[in-house]
């Protein structure tokens, strides 16, 4: 699955903590015409998952997860957003 940096994991955890009725919610990685996109969703049975401190923070369906095996999600402080880049 995709690599998630510590900064990104911390940001995602804080962002999810602000979601009303957080129970079971996490970020979902999807691909659309503009490229990778993150949205708040709930895990599905066949999803690939990324956990941090015992919480599921990120999921992707198997096909999307396979497409992003050599990618990294990081938090860009200058833009205050999550970014997906090629893993080094």
C-alpha atoms as a PDB file:
ATOM      1  CA  UNK A   1       0.000   0.000   0.000  1.00  0.00           C
ATOM      2  CA  UNK A   2       0.954   3.605  -0.227  1.00  0.00           C
ATOM      3  CA  UNK A   3       3.489   5.048   2.231  1.00  0.00           C
ATOM      4  CA  UNK A   4       2.129   7.649   4.660  1.00  0.00           C
ATOM      5  CA  UNK A   5       4.564   9.999   6.383  1.00  0.00           C
ATOM      6  CA  UNK A   6       4.332  10.824  10.081  1.00  0.00           C
ATOM      7  CA  UNK A   7       3.303  14.429   9.259  1.00  0.00           C
ATOM      8  CA  UNK A   8       0.503  13.189   7.001  1.00  0.00           C
ATOM      9  CA  UNK A   9      -0.711  10.627   9.540  1.00  0.00           C
ATOM     10  CA  UNK A  10      -0.786  13.269  12.276  1.00  0.00           C
ATOM     11  CA  UNK A  11      -2.717  15.655  10.009  1.00  0.00           C
ATOM     12  CA  UNK A  12      -5.233  12.964   8.973  1.00  0.00           C
ATOM     13  CA  UNK A  13      -5.817  11.923  12.583  1.00  0.00           C
ATOM     14  CA  UNK A  14      -6.414  15.547  13.645  1.00  0.00           C
ATOM     15  CA  UNK A  15      -8.710  16.165  10.665  1.00  0.00           C
ATOM     16  CA  UNK A  16     -10.753  13.038  11.384  1.00  0.00           C
ATOM     17  CA  UNK A  17     -11.052  14.013  15.042  1.00  0.00           C
ATOM     18  CA  UNK A  18     -13.029  17.089  13.895  1.00  0.00           C
ATOM     19  CA  UNK A  19     -15.540  15.036  11.861  1.00  0.00           C
ATOM     20  CA  UNK A  20     -18.898  14.723  13.566  1.00  0.00           C
ATOM     21  CA  UNK A  21     -19.788  11.103  14.225  1.00  0.00           C
ATOM     22  CA  UNK A  22     -16.196  10.024  13.534  1.00  0.00           C
ATOM     23  CA  UNK A  23     -16.954   6.447  14.475  1.00  0.00           C
ATOM     24  CA  UNK A  24     -15.451   4.228  11.780  1.00  0.00           C
ATOM     25  CA  UNK A  25     -14.612   7.044   9.391  1.00  0.00           C
ATOM     26  CA  UNK A  26     -11.277   7.379   7.627  1.00  0.00           C
ATOM     27  CA  UNK A  27      -9.797   8.849   4.458  1.00  0.00           C
ATOM     28  CA  UNK A  28     -10.356   7.013   1.167  1.00  0.00           C
ATOM     29  CA  UNK A  29      -7.809   7.233  -1.636  1.00  0.00           C
ATOM     30  CA  UNK A  30      -9.414   7.286  -5.074  1.00  0.00           C
ATOM     31  CA  UNK A  31      -8.288   8.108  -8.588  1.00  0.00           C
ATOM     32  CA  UNK A  32     -10.249  10.455 -10.850  1.00  0.00           C
ATOM     33  CA  UNK A  33      -9.579  12.486 -14.014  1.00  0.00           C
ATOM     34  CA  UNK A  34      -7.563  15.094 -12.072  1.00  0.00           C
ATOM     35  CA  UNK A  35      -5.447  12.482 -10.295  1.00  0.00           C
ATOM     36  CA  UNK A  36      -5.444  11.108  -6.745  1.00  0.00           C
ATOM     37  CA  UNK A  37      -8.159  12.331  -4.410  1.00  0.00           C
ATOM     38  CA  UNK A  38      -8.785  11.855  -0.696  1.00  0.00           C
ATOM     39  CA  UNK A  39     -12.274  11.891   0.787  1.00  0.00           C
ATOM     40  CA  UNK A  40     -13.794  10.906   4.144  1.00  0.00           C
ATOM     41  CA  UNK A  41     -15.538   7.531   4.015  1.00  0.00           C
ATOM     42  CA  UNK A  42     -15.952   4.262   5.900  1.00  0.00           C
ATOM     43  CA  UNK A  43     -13.851   1.143   5.245  1.00  0.00           C
ATOM     44  CA  UNK A  44     -15.266  -1.647   3.103  1.00  0.00           C
ATOM     45  CA  UNK A  45     -14.516  -5.336   3.652  1.00  0.00           C
ATOM     46  CA  UNK A  46     -12.003  -5.748   0.800  1.00  0.00           C
ATOM     47  CA  UNK A  47     -10.192  -2.396   1.255  1.00  0.00           C
ATOM     48  CA  UNK A  48      -6.473  -2.124   1.785  1.00  0.00           C
ATOM     49  CA  UNK A  49      -5.877  -0.139   4.982  1.00  0.00           C
ATOM     50  CA  UNK A  50      -3.272   2.042   6.678  1.00  0.00           C
ATOM     51  CA  UNK A  51      -3.428   2.198  10.478  1.00  0.00           C
ATOM     52  CA  UNK A  52      -1.864   4.709  12.844  1.00  0.00           C
ATOM     53  CA  UNK A  53      -1.992   4.415  16.641  1.00  0.00           C
ATOM     54  CA  UNK A  54      -4.591   1.667  16.329  1.00  0.00           C
ATOM     55  CA  UNK A  55      -6.964   3.705  14.124  1.00  0.00           C
ATOM     56  CA  UNK A  56      -7.625   3.094  10.428  1.00  0.00           C
ATOM     57  CA  UNK A  57      -6.725   6.418   8.796  1.00  0.00           C
ATOM     58  CA  UNK A  58      -6.592   5.524   5.099  1.00  0.00           C
ATOM     59  CA  UNK A  59      -8.265   2.954   2.869  1.00  0.00           C
ATOM     60  CA  UNK A  60      -8.312   2.172  -0.827  1.00  0.00           C
ATOM     61  CA  UNK A  61     -10.103  -0.447  -2.864  1.00  0.00           C
ATOM     62  CA  UNK A  62      -7.722  -3.225  -4.007  1.00  0.00           C
ATOM     63  CA  UNK A  63      -7.324  -1.873  -7.549  1.00  0.00           C
ATOM     64  CA  UNK A  64      -6.535   1.682  -6.389  1.00  0.00           C
ATOM     65  CA  UNK A  65      -4.237   0.375  -3.661  1.00  0.00           C
ATOM     66  CA  UNK A  66      -2.259  -1.577  -6.267  1.00  0.00           C
ATOM     67  CA  UNK A  67      -1.948   1.531  -8.479  1.00  0.00           C
ATOM     68  CA  UNK A  68      -0.377   3.509  -5.627  1.00  0.00           C
ATOM     69  CA  UNK A  69       2.151   1.039  -4.238  1.00  0.00           C
ATOM     70  CA  UNK A  70       5.076   3.321  -5.149  1.00  0.00           C
ATOM     71  CA  UNK A  71       3.499   6.537  -3.855  1.00  0.00           C
ATOM     72  CA  UNK A  72       3.764   8.546  -0.665  1.00  0.00           C
ATOM     73  CA  UNK A  73       1.248  10.787   1.067  1.00  0.00           C
ATOM     74  CA  UNK A  74       2.832  13.695   2.898  1.00  0.00           C
ATOM     75  CA  UNK A  75       1.580  16.909   4.458  1.00  0.00           C
ATOM     76  CA  UNK A  76       2.834  20.048   2.693  1.00  0.00           C
ATOM     77  CA  UNK A  77       2.982  22.699   5.416  1.00  0.00           C
ATOM     78  CA  UNK A  78       3.447  25.573   2.959  1.00  0.00           C
ATOM     79  CA  UNK A  79       0.145  24.690   1.241  1.00  0.00           C
ATOM     80  CA  UNK A  80      -1.550  23.208   4.341  1.00  0.00           C
ATOM     81  CA  UNK A  81      -2.667  20.138   2.408  1.00  0.00           C
ATOM     82  CA  UNK A  82      -1.961  16.496   1.842  1.00  0.00           C
ATOM     83  CA  UNK A  83       0.006  15.688  -1.300  1.00  0.00           C
ATOM     84  CA  UNK A  84       0.626  12.419  -3.135  1.00  0.00           C
ATOM     85  CA  UNK A  85       4.104  12.020  -4.631  1.00  0.00           C
ATOM     86  CA  UNK A  86       6.333   9.251  -5.954  1.00  0.00           C
ATOM     87  CA  UNK A  87       8.051   7.386  -3.109  1.00  0.00           C
ATOM     88  CA  UNK A  88      11.811   7.668  -3.076  1.00  0.00           C
END
